[in-house]
Amino acid sequence: MPEAHPAVPAGPLVDAFESHRDRLRAVAYRVLGSHADAEDVVQEAWLRLSRQDAGAIDNLGGWLTTVVGRISLDVLRSGRTRPEVALDDGLPEFTVTLDEAPAPEELVALGESVGLALLTVLDSLRPDERLAFVLHDVFAVPHAEIGTILGKSADATKMLTSRARRKVQAAPRSAGGAREQREVVRAFLAAAGEGRFEELLRVLHPEVEFTVHTPAGRFVTIGATEVAGRARVAGGSAQGHAATVNGLPGVISWHEDGTPRSLLAFTVAEGRITAITAVVDPAALALMELPDPV
């Protein structure tokens, strides 16, 4: 909990800041691509607020978004961003929601293009392009407000956002809508559960990459035949509850005592699965903020 400015009653200022924290964290994460950096940026925003006369701020949400945007831009320009490090070797942080549960605000705003794939595309943008695209297209911040962060006019910022949007739209992404991708994943799970090898080959891309994070380390299998063989042997272990994992179709399962058993995320392009990430390491799963069993 942050310490409030001494000239302002602690409760109201802290409560006001906390009401914006989730959105601020989402903005910083989408700009920087790192949960750790996002937390640092939000904490810095609080420190700056605590040194202000909060009563003189007309729009606290807008003021905080501007501050977070400026700090994030400074971090991007300085190259101080930290890549998402593994909970173990090569394991990124995951945002997981059950399909029936409401998605977080930032996931709803990004729609079907959300996730690690989009963050990878954003890495190809210049810092000012990335900030403008995220603030405007994801969080609906007006161009005039973004311009104050970038030191540009509203028209110049609008052109910057349009250029960034074209780059994002032109970048290769997973093809097909969310429903179509889900159908491919369902077909894969059904075939794995019933041991139908030919059906597995049909839904797997010839160069599919299957990455499994286990207590013994990270293991990668490449190729449809090899992955189909592993999936057929695994059989029922792929059963669980449909989820969205970093914007990708996924599956989460739990043990009878409610502890997580496995987490899978699938990348689908042109009707075939191109990548599968599986986490079966209990220690890594225990460190994640995963939904409760249903």
C-alpha atoms as a PDB file:
ATOM      1  CA  MET A   1       0.000   0.000   0.000  1.00  0.00           C
ATOM      2  CA  PRO A   2       1.531   3.384  -0.975  1.00  0.00           C
ATOM      3  CA  GLU A   3       2.081   6.138   1.583  1.00  0.00           C
ATOM      4  CA  ALA A   4      -0.100   9.172   0.984  1.00  0.00           C
ATOM      5  CA  HIS A   5       0.992  12.812   0.727  1.00  0.00           C
ATOM      6  CA  PRO A   6       1.022  14.248   4.292  1.00  0.00           C
ATOM      7  CA  ALA A   7      -1.118  17.232   3.256  1.00  0.00           C
ATOM      8  CA  VAL A   8      -3.941  14.970   2.074  1.00  0.00           C
ATOM      9  CA  PRO A   9      -5.936  12.489   4.177  1.00  0.00           C
ATOM     10  CA  ALA A  10      -4.389   9.090   3.530  1.00  0.00           C
ATOM     11  CA  GLY A  11      -7.601   7.173   3.002  1.00  0.00           C
ATOM     12  CA  PRO A  12      -9.195   9.179   0.157  1.00  0.00           C
ATOM     13  CA  LEU A  13      -5.962   9.595  -1.819  1.00  0.00           C
ATOM     14  CA  VAL A  14      -4.971   5.960  -1.476  1.00  0.00           C
ATOM     15  CA  ASP A  15      -8.477   4.816  -2.383  1.00  0.00           C
ATOM     16  CA  ALA A  16      -8.536   7.102  -5.411  1.00  0.00           C
ATOM     17  CA  PHE A  17      -5.183   5.817  -6.614  1.00  0.00           C
ATOM     18  CA  GLU A  18      -6.101   2.183  -6.018  1.00  0.00           C
ATOM     19  CA  SER A  19      -9.267   2.620  -8.094  1.00  0.00           C
ATOM     20  CA  HIS A  20      -7.015   3.356 -11.085  1.00  0.00           C
ATOM     21  CA  ARG A  21      -4.239   0.863 -10.340  1.00  0.00           C
ATOM     22  CA  ASP A  22      -5.464  -2.014 -12.555  1.00  0.00           C
ATOM     23  CA  ARG A  23      -5.860   0.244 -15.575  1.00  0.00           C
ATOM     24  CA  LEU A  24      -2.477   1.908 -15.007  1.00  0.00           C
ATOM     25  CA  ARG A  25      -0.784  -1.477 -14.673  1.00  0.00           C
ATOM     26  CA  ALA A  26      -2.490  -2.642 -17.878  1.00  0.00           C
ATOM     27  CA  VAL A  27      -1.329   0.479 -19.762  1.00  0.00           C
ATOM     28  CA  ALA A  28       2.270   0.086 -18.576  1.00  0.00           C
ATOM     29  CA  TYR A  29       2.333  -3.642 -19.331  1.00  0.00           C
ATOM     30  CA  ARG A  30       0.986  -3.198 -22.867  1.00  0.00           C
ATOM     31  CA  VAL A  31       3.569  -0.494 -23.552  1.00  0.00           C
ATOM     32  CA  LEU A  32       6.547  -2.253 -21.939  1.00  0.00           C
ATOM     33  CA  GLY A  33       5.691  -5.956 -22.234  1.00  0.00           C
ATOM     34  CA  SER A  34       6.946  -6.689 -18.720  1.00  0.00           C
ATOM     35  CA  HIS A  35       4.889  -7.171 -15.577  1.00  0.00           C
ATOM     36  CA  ALA A  36       7.867  -6.238 -13.392  1.00  0.00           C
ATOM     37  CA  ASP A  37       8.475  -2.992 -15.286  1.00  0.00           C
ATOM     38  CA  ALA A  38       4.745  -2.214 -15.212  1.00  0.00           C
ATOM     39  CA  GLU A  39       4.668  -2.543 -11.418  1.00  0.00           C
ATOM     40  CA  ASP A  40       7.709  -0.254 -11.131  1.00  0.00           C
ATOM     41  CA  VAL A  41       6.067   2.348 -13.367  1.00  0.00           C
ATOM     42  CA  VAL A  42       2.827   2.305 -11.381  1.00  0.00           C
ATOM     43  CA  GLN A  43       4.738   2.687  -8.123  1.00  0.00           C
ATOM     44  CA  GLU A  44       6.648   5.637  -9.578  1.00  0.00           C
ATOM     45  CA  ALA A  45       3.334   7.183 -10.641  1.00  0.00           C
ATOM     46  CA  TRP A  46       2.152   6.906  -7.039  1.00  0.00           C
ATOM     47  CA  LEU A  47       5.310   8.597  -5.760  1.00  0.00           C
ATOM     48  CA  ARG A  48       4.778  11.473  -8.169  1.00  0.00           C
ATOM     49  CA  LEU A  49       1.137  11.791  -7.128  1.00  0.00           C
ATOM     50  CA  SER A  50       2.134  11.822  -3.465  1.00  0.00           C
ATOM     51  CA  ARG A  51       4.286  14.892  -4.146  1.00  0.00           C
ATOM     52  CA  GLN A  52       1.433  16.741  -5.847  1.00  0.00           C
ATOM     53  CA  ASP A  53      -1.452  18.768  -4.507  1.00  0.00           C
ATOM     54  CA  ALA A  54      -4.058  16.168  -5.396  1.00  0.00           C
ATOM     55  CA  GLY A  55      -6.865  18.665  -4.851  1.00  0.00           C
ATOM     56  CA  ALA A  56      -5.603  20.709  -7.799  1.00  0.00           C
ATOM     57  CA  ILE A  57      -5.895  17.757 -10.234  1.00  0.00           C
ATOM     58  CA  ASP A  58      -9.196  17.975 -12.099  1.00  0.00           C
ATOM     59  CA  ASN A  59      -9.072  14.553 -13.758  1.00  0.00           C
ATOM     60  CA  LEU A  60      -7.050  12.135 -11.648  1.00  0.00           C
ATOM     61  CA  GLY A  61      -7.458   9.223 -14.073  1.00  0.00           C
ATOM     62  CA  GLY A  62      -6.233  11.288 -17.008  1.00  0.00           C
ATOM     63  CA  TRP A  63      -3.375  12.749 -14.976  1.00  0.00           C
ATOM     64  CA  LEU A  64      -2.211   9.307 -13.863  1.00  0.00           C
ATOM     65  CA  THR A  65      -2.478   7.865 -17.379  1.00  0.00           C
ATOM     66  CA  THR A  66      -0.337  10.743 -18.673  1.00  0.00           C
ATOM     67  CA  VAL A  67       2.261  10.173 -15.947  1.00  0.00           C
ATOM     68  CA  VAL A  68       2.370   6.419 -16.570  1.00  0.00           C
ATOM     69  CA  GLY A  69       2.683   7.070 -20.302  1.00  0.00           C
ATOM     70  CA  ARG A  70       5.613   9.454 -19.789  1.00  0.00           C
ATOM     71  CA  ILE A  71       7.444   7.122 -17.438  1.00  0.00           C
ATOM     72  CA  SER A  72       6.875   4.156 -19.768  1.00  0.00           C
ATOM     73  CA  LEU A  73       8.150   6.171 -22.726  1.00  0.00           C
ATOM     74  CA  ASP A  74      11.298   7.077 -20.769  1.00  0.00           C
ATOM     75  CA  VAL A  75      11.861   3.410 -19.968  1.00  0.00           C
ATOM     76  CA  LEU A  76      11.410   2.398 -23.616  1.00  0.00           C
ATOM     77  CA  ARG A  77      13.741   5.104 -24.876  1.00  0.00           C
ATOM     78  CA  SER A  78      16.418   4.254 -22.336  1.00  0.00           C
ATOM     79  CA  GLY A  79      16.327   0.567 -23.222  1.00  0.00           C
ATOM     80  CA  ARG A  80      15.851  -0.355 -19.565  1.00  0.00           C
ATOM     81  CA  THR A  81      12.974  -2.753 -20.188  1.00  0.00           C
ATOM     82  CA  ARG A  82      13.402  -6.196 -18.666  1.00  0.00           C
ATOM     83  CA  PRO A  83      12.291  -9.221 -20.655  1.00  0.00           C
ATOM     84  CA  GLU A  84       9.761 -11.449 -18.954  1.00  0.00           C
ATOM     85  CA  VAL A  85      11.965 -13.940 -17.191  1.00  0.00           C
ATOM     86  CA  ALA A  86      11.072 -17.475 -16.591  1.00  0.00           C
ATOM     87  CA  LEU A  87       9.550 -18.825 -13.471  1.00  0.00           C
ATOM     88  CA  ASP A  88      11.951 -21.458 -14.640  1.00  0.00           C
ATOM     89  CA  ASP A  89      14.071 -21.578 -17.803  1.00  0.00           C
ATOM     90  CA  GLY A  90      12.236 -19.938 -20.694  1.00  0.00           C
ATOM     91  CA  LEU A  91       8.829 -19.667 -18.986  1.00  0.00           C
ATOM     92  CA  PRO A  92       7.138 -16.257 -19.438  1.00  0.00           C
ATOM     93  CA  GLU A  93       4.453 -14.789 -17.216  1.00  0.00           C
ATOM     94  CA  PHE A  94       0.911 -15.814 -18.093  1.00  0.00           C
ATOM     95  CA  THR A  95      -2.442 -14.073 -17.858  1.00  0.00           C
ATOM     96  CA  VAL A  96      -5.120 -16.764 -17.605  1.00  0.00           C
ATOM     97  CA  THR A  97      -8.896 -16.385 -17.560  1.00  0.00           C
ATOM     98  CA  LEU A  98     -11.552 -19.086 -17.806  1.00  0.00           C
ATOM     99  CA  ASP A  99     -13.678 -18.817 -20.929  1.00  0.00           C
ATOM    100  CA  GLU A 100     -16.904 -18.287 -18.977  1.00  0.00           C
ATOM    101  CA  ALA A 101     -15.299 -15.660 -16.749  1.00  0.00           C
ATOM    102  CA  PRO A 102     -15.175 -11.955 -17.693  1.00  0.00           C
ATOM    103  CA  ALA A 103     -11.839 -11.084 -19.269  1.00  0.00           C
ATOM    104  CA  PRO A 104      -9.733  -8.295 -17.759  1.00  0.00           C
ATOM    105  CA  GLU A 105     -10.362  -4.837 -19.205  1.00  0.00           C
ATOM    106  CA  GLU A 106      -7.181  -4.800 -21.272  1.00  0.00           C
ATOM    107  CA  LEU A 107      -7.966  -8.195 -22.817  1.00  0.00           C
ATOM    108  CA  VAL A 108     -11.437  -7.064 -23.831  1.00  0.00           C
ATOM    109  CA  ALA A 109     -10.044  -3.910 -25.408  1.00  0.00           C
ATOM    110  CA  LEU A 110      -7.514  -5.805 -27.489  1.00  0.00           C
ATOM    111  CA  GLY A 111     -10.030  -8.424 -28.619  1.00  0.00           C
ATOM    112  CA  GLU A 112      -8.691 -11.302 -30.668  1.00  0.00           C
ATOM    113  CA  SER A 113      -5.331  -9.627 -31.297  1.00  0.00           C
ATOM    114  CA  VAL A 114      -4.256  -9.609 -27.649  1.00  0.00           C
ATOM    115  CA  GLY A 115      -1.441 -11.678 -26.240  1.00  0.00           C
ATOM    116  CA  LEU A 116       2.240 -12.409 -26.551  1.00  0.00           C
ATOM    117  CA  ALA A 117       1.972 -12.337 -30.336  1.00  0.00           C
ATOM    118  CA  LEU A 118       0.881  -8.700 -30.251  1.00  0.00           C
ATOM    119  CA  LEU A 119       3.615  -7.799 -27.777  1.00  0.00           C
ATOM    120  CA  THR A 120       6.120  -9.290 -30.199  1.00  0.00           C
ATOM    121  CA  VAL A 121       4.713  -7.087 -32.977  1.00  0.00           C
ATOM    122  CA  LEU A 122       4.837  -4.027 -30.721  1.00  0.00           C
ATOM    123  CA  ASP A 123       8.534  -4.666 -30.115  1.00  0.00           C
ATOM    124  CA  SER A 124       9.112  -3.766 -33.762  1.00  0.00           C
ATOM    125  CA  LEU A 125       7.644  -0.269 -33.275  1.00  0.00           C
ATOM    126  CA  ARG A 126       9.555   2.836 -32.249  1.00  0.00           C
ATOM    127  CA  PRO A 127       8.894   3.899 -28.626  1.00  0.00           C
ATOM    128  CA  ASP A 128       6.642   6.828 -29.630  1.00  0.00           C
ATOM    129  CA  GLU A 129       4.712   4.629 -32.086  1.00  0.00           C
ATOM    130  CA  ARG A 130       4.232   1.919 -29.498  1.00  0.00           C
ATOM    131  CA  LEU A 131       2.996   4.348 -26.853  1.00  0.00           C
ATOM    132  CA  ALA A 132       0.631   6.105 -29.262  1.00  0.00           C
ATOM    133  CA  PHE A 133      -0.819   2.831 -30.564  1.00  0.00           C
ATOM    134  CA  VAL A 134      -1.351   1.305 -27.124  1.00  0.00           C
ATOM    135  CA  LEU A 135      -2.852   4.410 -25.529  1.00  0.00           C
ATOM    136  CA  HIS A 136      -5.168   5.225 -28.435  1.00  0.00           C
ATOM    137  CA  ASP A 137      -6.151   1.910 -29.989  1.00  0.00           C
ATOM    138  CA  VAL A 138      -6.174  -0.161 -26.815  1.00  0.00           C
ATOM    139  CA  PHE A 139      -7.183   2.307 -24.094  1.00  0.00           C
ATOM    140  CA  ALA A 140      -8.995   4.985 -26.150  1.00  0.00           C
ATOM    141  CA  VAL A 141      -6.880   7.889 -24.888  1.00  0.00           C
ATOM    142  CA  PRO A 142      -7.515  10.931 -27.149  1.00  0.00           C
ATOM    143  CA  HIS A 143      -4.730  11.960 -29.514  1.00  0.00           C
ATOM    144  CA  ALA A 144      -4.494  15.387 -27.890  1.00  0.00           C
ATOM    145  CA  GLU A 145      -3.671  13.820 -24.508  1.00  0.00           C
ATOM    146  CA  ILE A 146      -1.133  11.462 -26.056  1.00  0.00           C
ATOM    147  CA  GLY A 147       0.403  14.441 -27.821  1.00  0.00           C
ATOM    148  CA  THR A 148       1.124  16.119 -24.485  1.00  0.00           C
ATOM    149  CA  ILE A 149       3.164  13.070 -23.489  1.00  0.00           C
ATOM    150  CA  LEU A 150       5.066  12.954 -26.769  1.00  0.00           C
ATOM    151  CA  GLY A 151       5.443  16.699 -27.226  1.00  0.00           C
ATOM    152  CA  LYS A 152       3.504  16.570 -30.509  1.00  0.00           C
ATOM    153  CA  SER A 153       0.322  18.116 -31.839  1.00  0.00           C
ATOM    154  CA  ALA A 154      -2.890  16.099 -31.918  1.00  0.00           C
ATOM    155  CA  ASP A 155      -2.666  15.829 -35.720  1.00  0.00           C
ATOM    156  CA  ALA A 156       0.949  14.645 -35.627  1.00  0.00           C
ATOM    157  CA  THR A 157       0.040  12.105 -32.957  1.00  0.00           C
ATOM    158  CA  LYS A 158      -2.877  10.876 -35.058  1.00  0.00           C
ATOM    159  CA  MET A 159      -0.512  10.299 -37.993  1.00  0.00           C
ATOM    160  CA  LEU A 160       1.903   8.484 -35.669  1.00  0.00           C
ATOM    161  CA  THR A 161      -0.871   6.208 -34.420  1.00  0.00           C
ATOM    162  CA  SER A 162      -2.008   5.465 -37.981  1.00  0.00           C
ATOM    163  CA  ARG A 163       1.527   4.525 -39.001  1.00  0.00           C
ATOM    164  CA  ALA A 164       1.885   2.233 -35.987  1.00  0.00           C
ATOM    165  CA  ARG A 165      -1.503   0.661 -36.706  1.00  0.00           C
ATOM    166  CA  ARG A 166      -0.492  -0.120 -40.287  1.00  0.00           C
ATOM    167  CA  LYS A 167       2.682  -1.797 -39.063  1.00  0.00           C
ATOM    168  CA  VAL A 168       0.720  -3.897 -36.556  1.00  0.00           C
ATOM    169  CA  GLN A 169      -1.877  -4.892 -39.143  1.00  0.00           C
ATOM    170  CA  ALA A 170       0.822  -5.805 -41.658  1.00  0.00           C
ATOM    171  CA  ALA A 171       2.720  -8.033 -39.234  1.00  0.00           C
ATOM    172  CA  PRO A 172       2.128 -11.793 -39.509  1.00  0.00           C
ATOM    173  CA  ARG A 173      -0.329 -12.946 -36.869  1.00  0.00           C
ATOM    174  CA  SER A 174      -2.316 -16.020 -36.023  1.00  0.00           C
ATOM    175  CA  ALA A 175      -4.984 -16.380 -38.694  1.00  0.00           C
ATOM    176  CA  GLY A 176      -8.638 -17.022 -38.008  1.00  0.00           C
ATOM    177  CA  GLY A 177     -10.978 -15.700 -35.364  1.00  0.00           C
ATOM    178  CA  ALA A 178     -11.153 -16.848 -31.781  1.00  0.00           C
ATOM    179  CA  ARG A 179     -14.037 -19.252 -32.493  1.00  0.00           C
ATOM    180  CA  GLU A 180     -12.213 -20.882 -35.410  1.00  0.00           C
ATOM    181  CA  GLN A 181      -9.042 -21.273 -33.343  1.00  0.00           C
ATOM    182  CA  ARG A 182     -11.060 -22.852 -30.533  1.00  0.00           C
ATOM    183  CA  GLU A 183     -12.509 -25.395 -32.951  1.00  0.00           C
ATOM    184  CA  VAL A 184      -9.020 -26.418 -34.054  1.00  0.00           C
ATOM    185  CA  VAL A 185      -7.939 -26.831 -30.428  1.00  0.00           C
ATOM    186  CA  ARG A 186     -11.067 -28.860 -29.615  1.00  0.00           C
ATOM    187  CA  ALA A 187     -10.336 -31.146 -32.566  1.00  0.00           C
ATOM    188  CA  PHE A 188      -6.784 -31.623 -31.315  1.00  0.00           C
ATOM    189  CA  LEU A 189      -7.881 -32.422 -27.756  1.00  0.00           C
ATOM    190  CA  ALA A 190     -10.538 -34.862 -28.950  1.00  0.00           C
ATOM    191  CA  ALA A 191      -8.071 -36.640 -31.216  1.00  0.00           C
ATOM    192  CA  ALA A 192      -5.464 -36.783 -28.436  1.00  0.00           C
ATOM    193  CA  GLY A 193      -7.993 -38.188 -25.987  1.00  0.00           C
ATOM    194  CA  GLU A 194      -9.093 -40.909 -28.414  1.00  0.00           C
ATOM    195  CA  GLY A 195      -5.625 -41.630 -29.785  1.00  0.00           C
ATOM    196  CA  ARG A 196      -6.562 -40.776 -33.387  1.00  0.00           C
ATOM    197  CA  PHE A 197      -3.112 -40.266 -34.918  1.00  0.00           C
ATOM    198  CA  GLU A 198      -4.244 -39.254 -38.422  1.00  0.00           C
ATOM    199  CA  GLU A 199      -6.605 -36.627 -37.044  1.00  0.00           C
ATOM    200  CA  LEU A 200      -3.783 -35.210 -34.933  1.00  0.00           C
ATOM    201  CA  LEU A 201      -1.610 -34.893 -38.017  1.00  0.00           C
ATOM    202  CA  ARG A 202      -4.434 -33.070 -39.797  1.00  0.00           C
ATOM    203  CA  VAL A 203      -4.665 -30.277 -37.214  1.00  0.00           C
ATOM    204  CA  LEU A 204      -0.922 -29.938 -36.524  1.00  0.00           C
ATOM    205  CA  HIS A 205       1.342 -27.809 -38.685  1.00  0.00           C
ATOM    206  CA  PRO A 206       4.230 -29.895 -40.126  1.00  0.00           C
ATOM    207  CA  GLU A 207       6.735 -27.749 -38.158  1.00  0.00           C
ATOM    208  CA  VAL A 208       4.671 -27.433 -34.972  1.00  0.00           C
ATOM    209  CA  GLU A 209       6.723 -26.728 -31.855  1.00  0.00           C
ATOM    210  CA  PHE A 210       5.682 -28.336 -28.564  1.00  0.00           C
ATOM    211  CA  THR A 211       7.361 -26.797 -25.489  1.00  0.00           C
ATOM    212  CA  VAL A 212       6.858 -28.470 -22.114  1.00  0.00           C
ATOM    213  CA  HIS A 213       7.995 -26.973 -18.815  1.00  0.00           C
ATOM    214  CA  THR A 214       8.550 -29.779 -16.277  1.00  0.00           C
ATOM    215  CA  PRO A 215      10.254 -30.045 -12.876  1.00  0.00           C
ATOM    216  CA  ALA A 216      13.280 -31.422 -14.737  1.00  0.00           C
ATOM    217  CA  GLY A 217      13.467 -28.460 -17.117  1.00  0.00           C
ATOM    218  CA  ARG A 218      12.216 -27.248 -20.472  1.00  0.00           C
ATOM    219  CA  PHE A 219      11.813 -29.706 -23.353  1.00  0.00           C
ATOM    220  CA  VAL A 220      10.972 -28.899 -26.968  1.00  0.00           C
ATOM    221  CA  THR A 221       9.598 -31.282 -29.618  1.00  0.00           C
ATOM    222  CA  ILE A 222       9.378 -30.136 -33.246  1.00  0.00           C
ATOM    223  CA  GLY A 223       7.402 -31.756 -36.050  1.00  0.00           C
ATOM    224  CA  ALA A 224       3.810 -32.964 -36.451  1.00  0.00           C
ATOM    225  CA  THR A 225       4.641 -36.680 -36.299  1.00  0.00           C
ATOM    226  CA  GLU A 226       6.664 -36.358 -33.092  1.00  0.00           C
ATOM    227  CA  VAL A 227       4.148 -34.050 -31.416  1.00  0.00           C
ATOM    228  CA  ALA A 228       1.213 -36.257 -32.468  1.00  0.00           C
ATOM    229  CA  GLY A 229       2.961 -39.254 -30.943  1.00  0.00           C
ATOM    230  CA  ARG A 230       3.452 -37.473 -27.621  1.00  0.00           C
ATOM    231  CA  ALA A 231      -0.107 -36.141 -27.627  1.00  0.00           C
ATOM    232  CA  ARG A 232      -1.560 -39.584 -28.350  1.00  0.00           C
ATOM    233  CA  VAL A 233       0.442 -41.123 -25.499  1.00  0.00           C
ATOM    234  CA  ALA A 234      -0.611 -38.321 -23.142  1.00  0.00           C
ATOM    235  CA  GLY A 235      -4.244 -38.957 -23.988  1.00  0.00           C
ATOM    236  CA  GLY A 236      -6.527 -37.788 -21.208  1.00  0.00           C
ATOM    237  CA  SER A 237      -3.903 -35.585 -19.590  1.00  0.00           C
ATOM    238  CA  ALA A 238      -4.968 -32.860 -22.015  1.00  0.00           C
ATOM    239  CA  GLN A 239      -8.496 -32.747 -20.549  1.00  0.00           C
ATOM    240  CA  GLY A 240      -9.429 -29.704 -18.511  1.00  0.00           C
ATOM    241  CA  HIS A 241     -11.294 -26.404 -18.623  1.00  0.00           C
ATOM    242  CA  ALA A 242     -11.108 -24.095 -21.625  1.00  0.00           C
ATOM    243  CA  ALA A 243      -9.234 -20.879 -20.862  1.00  0.00           C
ATOM    244  CA  THR A 244      -7.638 -17.883 -22.498  1.00  0.00           C
ATOM    245  CA  VAL A 245      -3.870 -17.834 -21.928  1.00  0.00           C
ATOM    246  CA  ASN A 246      -2.200 -14.549 -22.913  1.00  0.00           C
ATOM    247  CA  GLY A 247      -4.942 -14.131 -25.490  1.00  0.00           C
ATOM    248  CA  LEU A 248      -4.446 -17.617 -26.938  1.00  0.00           C
ATOM    249  CA  PRO A 249      -6.842 -20.571 -26.677  1.00  0.00           C
ATOM    250  CA  GLY A 250      -5.760 -22.799 -23.832  1.00  0.00           C
ATOM    251  CA  VAL A 251      -6.687 -25.428 -21.285  1.00  0.00           C
ATOM    252  CA  ILE A 252      -6.208 -25.508 -17.525  1.00  0.00           C
ATOM    253  CA  SER A 253      -6.726 -28.546 -15.297  1.00  0.00           C
ATOM    254  CA  TRP A 254      -6.593 -29.122 -11.552  1.00  0.00           C
ATOM    255  CA  HIS A 255      -5.952 -32.002  -9.176  1.00  0.00           C
ATOM    256  CA  GLU A 256      -8.776 -33.195  -6.940  1.00  0.00           C
ATOM    257  CA  ASP A 257      -7.440 -31.063  -4.079  1.00  0.00           C
ATOM    258  CA  GLY A 258      -7.814 -27.926  -6.220  1.00  0.00           C
ATOM    259  CA  THR A 259      -4.129 -27.371  -6.978  1.00  0.00           C
ATOM    260  CA  PRO A 260      -3.316 -26.729 -10.664  1.00  0.00           C
ATOM    261  CA  ARG A 261      -2.161 -29.783 -12.625  1.00  0.00           C
ATOM    262  CA  SER A 262      -1.360 -28.348 -16.048  1.00  0.00           C
ATOM    263  CA  LEU A 263      -1.689 -25.299 -18.256  1.00  0.00           C
ATOM    264  CA  LEU A 264      -1.627 -25.384 -22.069  1.00  0.00           C
ATOM    265  CA  ALA A 265      -1.657 -22.581 -24.640  1.00  0.00           C
ATOM    266  CA  PHE A 266      -2.098 -23.080 -28.394  1.00  0.00           C
ATOM    267  CA  THR A 267      -1.085 -20.885 -31.329  1.00  0.00           C
ATOM    268  CA  VAL A 268      -3.253 -21.495 -34.401  1.00  0.00           C
ATOM    269  CA  ALA A 269      -2.596 -20.215 -37.923  1.00  0.00           C
ATOM    270  CA  GLU A 270      -4.531 -21.059 -41.076  1.00  0.00           C
ATOM    271  CA  GLY A 271      -6.481 -23.840 -39.399  1.00  0.00           C
ATOM    272  CA  ARG A 272      -3.477 -25.648 -37.914  1.00  0.00           C
ATOM    273  CA  ILE A 273      -1.709 -25.585 -34.576  1.00  0.00           C
ATOM    274  CA  THR A 274       1.760 -24.083 -34.991  1.00  0.00           C
ATOM    275  CA  ALA A 275       2.856 -24.060 -31.342  1.00  0.00           C
ATOM    276  CA  ILE A 276       1.840 -25.576 -28.024  1.00  0.00           C
ATOM    277  CA  THR A 277       3.166 -24.490 -24.652  1.00  0.00           C
ATOM    278  CA  ALA A 278       2.516 -26.785 -21.687  1.00  0.00           C
ATOM    279  CA  VAL A 279       3.370 -26.144 -18.048  1.00  0.00           C
ATOM    280  CA  VAL A 280       3.282 -29.227 -15.812  1.00  0.00           C
ATOM    281  CA  ASP A 281       5.831 -28.135 -13.224  1.00  0.00           C
ATOM    282  CA  PRO A 282       3.941 -27.879  -9.886  1.00  0.00           C
ATOM    283  CA  ALA A 283       6.385 -25.291  -8.540  1.00  0.00           C
ATOM    284  CA  ALA A 284       5.950 -23.034 -11.576  1.00  0.00           C
ATOM    285  CA  LEU A 285       2.161 -23.471 -11.546  1.00  0.00           C
ATOM    286  CA  ALA A 286       2.043 -22.598  -7.843  1.00  0.00           C
ATOM    287  CA  LEU A 287       3.722 -19.251  -8.563  1.00  0.00           C
ATOM    288  CA  MET A 288       1.133 -18.255 -11.161  1.00  0.00           C
ATOM    289  CA  GLU A 289      -2.066 -16.371 -10.439  1.00  0.00           C
ATOM    290  CA  LEU A 290      -4.401 -19.002 -11.870  1.00  0.00           C
ATOM    291  CA  PRO A 291      -8.211 -19.195 -11.693  1.00  0.00           C
ATOM    292  CA  ASP A 292      -9.771 -21.405  -9.041  1.00  0.00           C
ATOM    293  CA  PRO A 293     -11.246 -24.771 -10.074  1.00  0.00           C
ATOM    294  CA  VAL A 294     -14.761 -24.809 -11.468  1.00  0.00           C
END
